[in-house]
Structures are given as structure tokens and as C-alpha cells.
N, C-alpha and C. Protein backbone atom coordinates (compact mmCIF):
# COMPACT_ATOMS: atom_id res chain seq x y z
N MET A 1 1.77 -11.80 -1.85
CA MET A 1 1.74 -10.40 -1.47
C MET A 1 1.31 -10.26 -0.01
N LYS A 2 0.33 -11.06 0.42
CA LYS A 2 -0.10 -10.99 1.80
C LYS A 2 1.03 -11.37 2.74
N ASN A 3 1.88 -12.30 2.31
CA ASN A 3 3.02 -12.70 3.14
C ASN A 3 3.96 -11.54 3.38
N ARG A 4 4.16 -10.70 2.36
CA ARG A 4 5.05 -9.55 2.47
C ARG A 4 4.53 -8.59 3.52
N PHE A 5 3.24 -8.36 3.53
CA PHE A 5 2.70 -7.41 4.49
C PHE A 5 2.48 -8.05 5.86
N SER A 6 2.34 -9.37 5.91
CA SER A 6 2.34 -10.05 7.20
C SER A 6 3.72 -9.90 7.83
N LEU A 7 4.77 -10.02 6.99
CA LEU A 7 6.13 -9.82 7.48
C LEU A 7 6.30 -8.38 7.96
N PHE A 8 5.73 -7.44 7.20
CA PHE A 8 5.79 -6.04 7.61
C PHE A 8 5.19 -5.86 9.01
N LEU A 9 4.02 -6.41 9.22
CA LEU A 9 3.36 -6.27 10.52
C LEU A 9 4.19 -6.91 11.63
N LEU A 10 4.80 -8.04 11.33
CA LEU A 10 5.67 -8.69 12.31
C LEU A 10 6.87 -7.81 12.63
N LEU A 11 7.48 -7.24 11.60
CA LEU A 11 8.63 -6.36 11.82
C LEU A 11 8.26 -5.14 12.64
N VAL A 12 7.11 -4.58 12.35
CA VAL A 12 6.66 -3.42 13.13
C VAL A 12 6.54 -3.81 14.60
N GLY A 13 5.97 -4.97 14.87
CA GLY A 13 5.84 -5.43 16.25
C GLY A 13 7.19 -5.67 16.89
N LEU A 14 8.11 -6.25 16.13
CA LEU A 14 9.43 -6.58 16.68
C LEU A 14 10.26 -5.36 17.00
N VAL A 15 10.10 -4.29 16.26
CA VAL A 15 10.94 -3.12 16.50
C VAL A 15 10.33 -2.16 17.51
N GLY A 16 9.34 -2.60 18.20
CA GLY A 16 8.82 -1.81 19.33
C GLY A 16 7.79 -0.76 18.96
N ALA A 17 6.92 -1.09 18.03
CA ALA A 17 5.86 -0.14 17.68
C ALA A 17 4.95 0.08 18.88
N THR A 18 4.39 1.25 18.97
CA THR A 18 3.46 1.55 20.04
C THR A 18 2.14 0.84 19.80
N GLN A 19 1.20 1.02 20.69
CA GLN A 19 -0.10 0.39 20.55
C GLN A 19 -0.94 1.04 19.45
N ALA A 20 -0.48 2.17 18.91
CA ALA A 20 -1.23 2.86 17.86
C ALA A 20 -1.34 1.97 16.63
N ASP A 21 -2.46 2.04 15.97
CA ASP A 21 -2.68 1.30 14.74
C ASP A 21 -1.68 1.76 13.69
N GLU A 22 -1.02 0.81 13.01
CA GLU A 22 0.00 1.15 12.02
C GLU A 22 -0.57 2.03 10.91
N ALA A 23 -1.83 1.80 10.54
CA ALA A 23 -2.44 2.63 9.49
C ALA A 23 -2.53 4.07 9.94
N ASP A 24 -2.83 4.30 11.20
CA ASP A 24 -2.89 5.67 11.72
C ASP A 24 -1.51 6.31 11.71
N LEU A 25 -0.49 5.55 12.10
CA LEU A 25 0.88 6.07 12.07
C LEU A 25 1.28 6.38 10.64
N GLY A 26 0.99 5.48 9.72
CA GLY A 26 1.31 5.72 8.32
C GLY A 26 0.59 6.92 7.75
N ARG A 27 -0.68 7.06 8.09
CA ARG A 27 -1.46 8.22 7.63
C ARG A 27 -0.88 9.51 8.19
N LEU A 28 -0.49 9.49 9.45
CA LEU A 28 0.12 10.67 10.09
C LEU A 28 1.46 11.00 9.43
N GLU A 29 2.28 10.00 9.18
CA GLU A 29 3.56 10.23 8.50
C GLU A 29 3.33 10.84 7.12
N PHE A 30 2.35 10.30 6.39
CA PHE A 30 2.05 10.83 5.06
C PHE A 30 1.62 12.29 5.15
N LYS A 31 0.72 12.57 6.06
CA LYS A 31 0.21 13.93 6.21
C LYS A 31 1.35 14.90 6.55
N ASN A 32 2.24 14.48 7.44
CA ASN A 32 3.32 15.37 7.90
C ASN A 32 4.50 15.46 6.96
N SER A 33 4.76 14.42 6.20
CA SER A 33 5.98 14.39 5.39
C SER A 33 5.74 14.42 3.88
N CYS A 34 4.58 14.04 3.42
CA CYS A 34 4.38 13.84 1.98
C CYS A 34 3.27 14.68 1.36
N ALA A 35 2.22 14.96 2.12
CA ALA A 35 1.01 15.55 1.55
C ALA A 35 1.22 16.93 0.95
N ALA A 36 2.18 17.70 1.45
CA ALA A 36 2.39 19.04 0.90
C ALA A 36 2.72 18.98 -0.59
N CYS A 37 3.48 17.97 -0.99
CA CYS A 37 3.85 17.83 -2.40
C CYS A 37 2.97 16.84 -3.16
N HIS A 38 2.65 15.73 -2.52
CA HIS A 38 1.89 14.67 -3.21
C HIS A 38 0.39 14.82 -3.05
N GLY A 39 -0.07 15.74 -2.22
CA GLY A 39 -1.50 15.94 -2.00
C GLY A 39 -2.03 15.02 -0.92
N ILE A 40 -3.07 15.46 -0.25
CA ILE A 40 -3.65 14.67 0.83
C ILE A 40 -4.21 13.35 0.31
N ASP A 41 -4.56 13.31 -0.99
CA ASP A 41 -5.06 12.08 -1.61
C ASP A 41 -3.96 11.27 -2.29
N ALA A 42 -2.72 11.76 -2.21
CA ALA A 42 -1.51 11.11 -2.76
C ALA A 42 -1.47 11.11 -4.28
N ARG A 43 -2.29 11.94 -4.92
CA ARG A 43 -2.34 11.96 -6.38
C ARG A 43 -1.56 13.10 -7.01
N GLY A 44 -0.86 13.89 -6.20
CA GLY A 44 -0.07 15.00 -6.74
C GLY A 44 -0.95 16.20 -7.05
N GLY A 45 -0.38 17.13 -7.83
CA GLY A 45 -1.14 18.28 -8.26
C GLY A 45 -1.46 19.28 -7.17
N THR A 46 -0.56 19.48 -6.23
CA THR A 46 -0.79 20.45 -5.16
C THR A 46 -0.29 21.82 -5.56
N GLU A 47 -0.59 22.81 -4.77
CA GLU A 47 -0.09 24.16 -5.01
C GLU A 47 1.43 24.20 -4.94
N MET A 48 2.02 23.33 -4.14
CA MET A 48 3.47 23.26 -4.01
C MET A 48 4.13 22.85 -5.32
N SER A 49 3.41 22.15 -6.17
CA SER A 49 3.98 21.67 -7.44
C SER A 49 4.55 22.81 -8.28
N ALA A 50 3.96 23.98 -8.18
CA ALA A 50 4.43 25.13 -8.96
C ALA A 50 5.86 25.52 -8.59
N PHE A 51 6.31 25.15 -7.40
CA PHE A 51 7.63 25.52 -6.92
C PHE A 51 8.67 24.41 -7.11
N LEU A 52 8.24 23.29 -7.65
CA LEU A 52 9.13 22.14 -7.80
C LEU A 52 9.59 21.98 -9.24
N ARG A 53 10.78 21.43 -9.43
CA ARG A 53 11.29 21.19 -10.78
C ARG A 53 10.58 20.02 -11.45
N ILE A 54 10.20 19.04 -10.64
CA ILE A 54 9.54 17.83 -11.15
C ILE A 54 8.20 17.69 -10.45
N ASP A 55 7.15 17.42 -11.22
CA ASP A 55 5.85 17.20 -10.61
C ASP A 55 5.89 15.91 -9.78
N PRO A 56 5.42 15.98 -8.54
CA PRO A 56 5.37 14.77 -7.72
C PRO A 56 4.44 13.74 -8.35
N PRO A 57 4.85 12.48 -8.37
CA PRO A 57 4.01 11.46 -9.00
C PRO A 57 2.77 11.13 -8.19
N ASP A 58 1.83 10.54 -8.88
CA ASP A 58 0.61 10.02 -8.26
C ASP A 58 0.99 8.74 -7.53
N LEU A 59 1.02 8.77 -6.22
CA LEU A 59 1.47 7.63 -5.43
C LEU A 59 0.42 6.52 -5.33
N THR A 60 -0.77 6.78 -5.83
CA THR A 60 -1.80 5.73 -5.82
C THR A 60 -1.64 4.79 -7.01
N LEU A 61 -0.69 5.09 -7.90
CA LEU A 61 -0.47 4.27 -9.10
C LEU A 61 0.84 3.49 -9.06
N LEU A 62 1.50 3.46 -7.92
CA LEU A 62 2.80 2.77 -7.83
C LEU A 62 2.69 1.30 -8.22
N GLN A 63 1.71 0.63 -7.71
CA GLN A 63 1.52 -0.80 -7.99
C GLN A 63 1.16 -1.01 -9.46
N GLN A 64 0.26 -0.20 -9.97
CA GLN A 64 -0.18 -0.31 -11.37
C GLN A 64 1.00 -0.10 -12.32
N LYS A 65 1.85 0.88 -12.02
CA LYS A 65 2.99 1.18 -12.88
C LYS A 65 4.14 0.18 -12.73
N ASN A 66 4.00 -0.74 -11.78
CA ASN A 66 5.03 -1.76 -11.55
C ASN A 66 4.48 -3.16 -11.85
N GLY A 67 3.63 -3.24 -12.87
CA GLY A 67 3.12 -4.53 -13.31
C GLY A 67 2.20 -5.22 -12.31
N GLY A 68 1.52 -4.43 -11.46
CA GLY A 68 0.58 -5.00 -10.51
C GLY A 68 1.19 -5.43 -9.19
N VAL A 69 2.49 -5.19 -9.01
CA VAL A 69 3.19 -5.56 -7.78
C VAL A 69 3.65 -4.28 -7.09
N PHE A 70 3.29 -4.14 -5.83
CA PHE A 70 3.71 -2.94 -5.11
C PHE A 70 5.22 -2.98 -4.90
N PRO A 71 5.95 -1.93 -5.33
CA PRO A 71 7.41 -1.92 -5.27
C PRO A 71 7.95 -1.53 -3.88
N THR A 72 7.78 -2.41 -2.92
CA THR A 72 8.10 -2.13 -1.53
C THR A 72 9.54 -1.65 -1.34
N ALA A 73 10.50 -2.39 -1.85
CA ALA A 73 11.91 -2.03 -1.65
C ALA A 73 12.23 -0.68 -2.28
N ARG A 74 11.73 -0.44 -3.49
CA ARG A 74 12.00 0.84 -4.16
C ARG A 74 11.38 2.00 -3.38
N VAL A 75 10.17 1.80 -2.88
CA VAL A 75 9.51 2.86 -2.09
C VAL A 75 10.29 3.11 -0.81
N TYR A 76 10.72 2.04 -0.14
CA TYR A 76 11.50 2.19 1.10
C TYR A 76 12.77 3.00 0.82
N ASN A 77 13.50 2.62 -0.22
CA ASN A 77 14.74 3.31 -0.54
C ASN A 77 14.51 4.75 -0.96
N THR A 78 13.39 5.03 -1.60
CA THR A 78 13.07 6.40 -1.99
C THR A 78 12.78 7.26 -0.77
N ILE A 79 12.00 6.72 0.15
CA ILE A 79 11.67 7.46 1.37
C ILE A 79 12.90 7.63 2.24
N ASP A 80 13.63 6.54 2.46
CA ASP A 80 14.81 6.59 3.33
C ASP A 80 15.88 7.49 2.72
N GLY A 81 16.25 7.20 1.50
CA GLY A 81 17.14 8.08 0.76
C GLY A 81 18.55 8.24 1.29
N ARG A 82 18.89 7.57 2.38
CA ARG A 82 20.21 7.77 2.95
C ARG A 82 21.30 7.06 2.18
N LEU A 83 20.93 6.06 1.42
CA LEU A 83 21.91 5.34 0.61
C LEU A 83 21.86 5.92 -0.79
N GLU A 84 22.83 6.76 -1.10
CA GLU A 84 22.86 7.38 -2.42
C GLU A 84 23.44 6.39 -3.42
N VAL A 85 22.73 6.20 -4.50
CA VAL A 85 23.18 5.27 -5.53
C VAL A 85 23.84 6.08 -6.63
N ARG A 86 25.12 5.82 -6.83
CA ARG A 86 25.88 6.56 -7.84
C ARG A 86 25.26 6.32 -9.21
N GLY A 87 25.12 7.36 -9.97
CA GLY A 87 24.56 7.23 -11.30
C GLY A 87 23.07 7.53 -11.36
N HIS A 88 22.42 7.64 -10.22
CA HIS A 88 20.99 7.94 -10.21
C HIS A 88 20.74 9.44 -10.23
N GLY A 89 21.77 10.24 -10.17
CA GLY A 89 21.60 11.68 -10.18
C GLY A 89 21.16 12.20 -8.83
N THR A 90 20.81 13.47 -8.80
CA THR A 90 20.42 14.10 -7.55
C THR A 90 19.01 13.67 -7.18
N ARG A 91 18.72 13.77 -5.90
CA ARG A 91 17.38 13.43 -5.41
C ARG A 91 16.47 14.64 -5.56
N ALA A 92 15.30 14.40 -6.12
CA ALA A 92 14.32 15.48 -6.23
C ALA A 92 13.51 15.57 -4.94
N MET A 93 13.45 14.48 -4.19
CA MET A 93 12.65 14.43 -2.98
C MET A 93 13.56 14.57 -1.76
N PRO A 94 13.06 15.22 -0.71
CA PRO A 94 13.87 15.29 0.52
C PRO A 94 14.20 13.90 1.06
N VAL A 95 15.30 13.83 1.75
CA VAL A 95 15.75 12.57 2.33
C VAL A 95 15.10 12.43 3.71
N TRP A 96 13.94 11.77 3.75
CA TRP A 96 13.19 11.65 5.00
C TRP A 96 13.89 10.75 5.99
N GLY A 97 14.60 9.75 5.51
CA GLY A 97 15.32 8.87 6.42
C GLY A 97 16.30 9.65 7.28
N GLN A 98 16.99 10.60 6.68
CA GLN A 98 17.94 11.43 7.43
C GLN A 98 17.20 12.29 8.45
N ARG A 99 16.09 12.88 8.03
CA ARG A 99 15.31 13.71 8.97
C ARG A 99 14.80 12.86 10.12
N TYR A 100 14.26 11.69 9.80
CA TYR A 100 13.76 10.80 10.84
C TYR A 100 14.89 10.40 11.80
N THR A 101 16.07 10.13 11.26
CA THR A 101 17.21 9.73 12.08
C THR A 101 17.61 10.86 13.02
N GLU A 102 17.62 12.09 12.52
CA GLU A 102 17.95 13.24 13.37
C GLU A 102 16.93 13.41 14.48
N GLU A 103 15.65 13.24 14.14
CA GLU A 103 14.60 13.34 15.16
C GLU A 103 14.75 12.22 16.20
N ALA A 104 15.05 11.01 15.74
CA ALA A 104 15.20 9.87 16.64
C ALA A 104 16.39 10.07 17.57
N ALA A 105 17.48 10.63 17.06
CA ALA A 105 18.66 10.89 17.89
C ALA A 105 18.34 11.90 18.99
N TYR A 106 17.47 12.83 18.68
CA TYR A 106 17.06 13.82 19.66
C TYR A 106 16.22 13.17 20.78
N ILE A 107 15.41 12.19 20.40
CA ILE A 107 14.50 11.54 21.35
C ILE A 107 15.17 10.38 22.08
N HIS A 108 15.96 9.57 21.36
CA HIS A 108 16.54 8.35 21.94
C HIS A 108 18.05 8.50 22.11
N SER A 109 18.55 8.12 23.26
CA SER A 109 20.00 8.14 23.47
C SER A 109 20.66 6.91 22.87
N ASP A 110 19.90 5.84 22.67
CA ASP A 110 20.43 4.59 22.11
C ASP A 110 20.28 4.63 20.58
N PRO A 111 21.39 4.65 19.83
CA PRO A 111 21.31 4.72 18.35
C PRO A 111 20.51 3.57 17.74
N LEU A 112 20.61 2.37 18.32
CA LEU A 112 19.87 1.23 17.80
C LEU A 112 18.36 1.45 17.94
N LEU A 113 17.95 1.95 19.07
CA LEU A 113 16.54 2.26 19.28
C LEU A 113 16.08 3.36 18.32
N GLY A 114 16.92 4.33 18.10
CA GLY A 114 16.61 5.39 17.15
C GLY A 114 16.42 4.86 15.74
N GLU A 115 17.32 3.98 15.32
CA GLU A 115 17.22 3.40 13.98
C GLU A 115 15.96 2.55 13.84
N ARG A 116 15.61 1.85 14.89
CA ARG A 116 14.38 1.06 14.87
C ARG A 116 13.17 1.96 14.71
N SER A 117 13.15 3.07 15.39
CA SER A 117 12.00 3.97 15.27
C SER A 117 11.90 4.55 13.87
N VAL A 118 13.05 4.79 13.23
CA VAL A 118 13.06 5.27 11.85
C VAL A 118 12.42 4.21 10.94
N ARG A 119 12.82 2.95 11.12
CA ARG A 119 12.26 1.87 10.30
C ARG A 119 10.76 1.73 10.51
N VAL A 120 10.31 1.85 11.75
CA VAL A 120 8.88 1.74 12.03
C VAL A 120 8.12 2.83 11.29
N ARG A 121 8.62 4.05 11.33
CA ARG A 121 7.94 5.15 10.66
C ARG A 121 7.88 4.93 9.15
N ILE A 122 8.99 4.52 8.56
CA ILE A 122 9.02 4.30 7.11
C ILE A 122 8.12 3.13 6.72
N LEU A 123 8.18 2.04 7.46
CA LEU A 123 7.34 0.88 7.13
C LEU A 123 5.85 1.19 7.30
N ALA A 124 5.50 1.98 8.30
CA ALA A 124 4.10 2.38 8.48
C ALA A 124 3.65 3.24 7.29
N LEU A 125 4.52 4.12 6.84
CA LEU A 125 4.20 4.96 5.68
C LEU A 125 4.03 4.10 4.43
N ILE A 126 4.90 3.14 4.24
CA ILE A 126 4.79 2.23 3.09
C ILE A 126 3.48 1.45 3.15
N ASP A 127 3.12 0.97 4.32
CA ASP A 127 1.86 0.24 4.46
C ASP A 127 0.68 1.14 4.10
N TYR A 128 0.72 2.39 4.52
CA TYR A 128 -0.34 3.32 4.20
C TYR A 128 -0.41 3.54 2.68
N LEU A 129 0.75 3.73 2.04
CA LEU A 129 0.76 3.90 0.58
C LEU A 129 0.21 2.67 -0.12
N TYR A 130 0.53 1.51 0.39
CA TYR A 130 0.00 0.26 -0.19
C TYR A 130 -1.53 0.25 -0.15
N GLN A 131 -2.08 0.73 0.94
CA GLN A 131 -3.54 0.75 1.09
C GLN A 131 -4.20 1.75 0.12
N LEU A 132 -3.46 2.73 -0.35
CA LEU A 132 -4.01 3.75 -1.26
C LEU A 132 -4.00 3.34 -2.73
N GLN A 133 -3.41 2.19 -3.04
CA GLN A 133 -3.25 1.81 -4.45
C GLN A 133 -4.60 1.59 -5.13
N ARG A 134 -4.65 2.06 -6.40
CA ARG A 134 -5.86 1.89 -7.22
C ARG A 134 -5.67 0.76 -8.20
């Protein structure tokens, strides 16, 4: 498991992460993109839940509900959401990967640089969620 997150840190460095601590970036991404529905503590049960069809899950239990292994790829695909898998039905969660891509296109003229910044944001968020596991 440590190897997976060592690889994560290496990837973050390779794709041009800023000097900011990845945990701070992940925390900021969570606060800006996830906390309204999942709660600042990532356990769900926010006021926004009353307006949603499905209660947002407790994100601190992802590892526990996956046999003790943090489901990195599934979390990445859920956050990114740009690859729609036929048969999975509609998405209940916003497609943050698309939003991040649109923001990156506005900031970066180079599409490759924009895509890298999207990956950095998603990986930082995943690392933050990993740290929240109970």
C-alpha cells in the first residue's frame, strides 16, 4: 500500500505540482468540490442531503467497505467521471473531471499541461481521502 502512495507522490512531482503540500491541495479540493454534499468531515449528512436523490456516502469508510484496501482506481474514476461506463446508469455525483478540465483550459493554452493539472488535483484529493480513512 505504501508503494501505491509513493507512486502517487512521484506522479504528483512529475506532472508539475507546485511547492504546496499535496495534503493541503487535497484538503482544498475536498472543501471546494466535495464538502457541500459529503460534509467537512467527509461523513455525509449535510443540509444539502435533503435536496439529493441519494445520500452521499461516508467517504471515511471507503477502505473499510473495500476489504481493508483503499479503492484508488474506483475513487479516481468516480471523481473524474469523464469516462462513462455503459450499464452503470446515470451519475449521481457531478463530473468533477470535466469541470477541472474546463478550468484548466481557461488557465493553460497547452491541453497536455491542462490535463496534467487535472490529474494533480484529482490525485491530491484521493490522497486526502486516503488520509481520512477510519
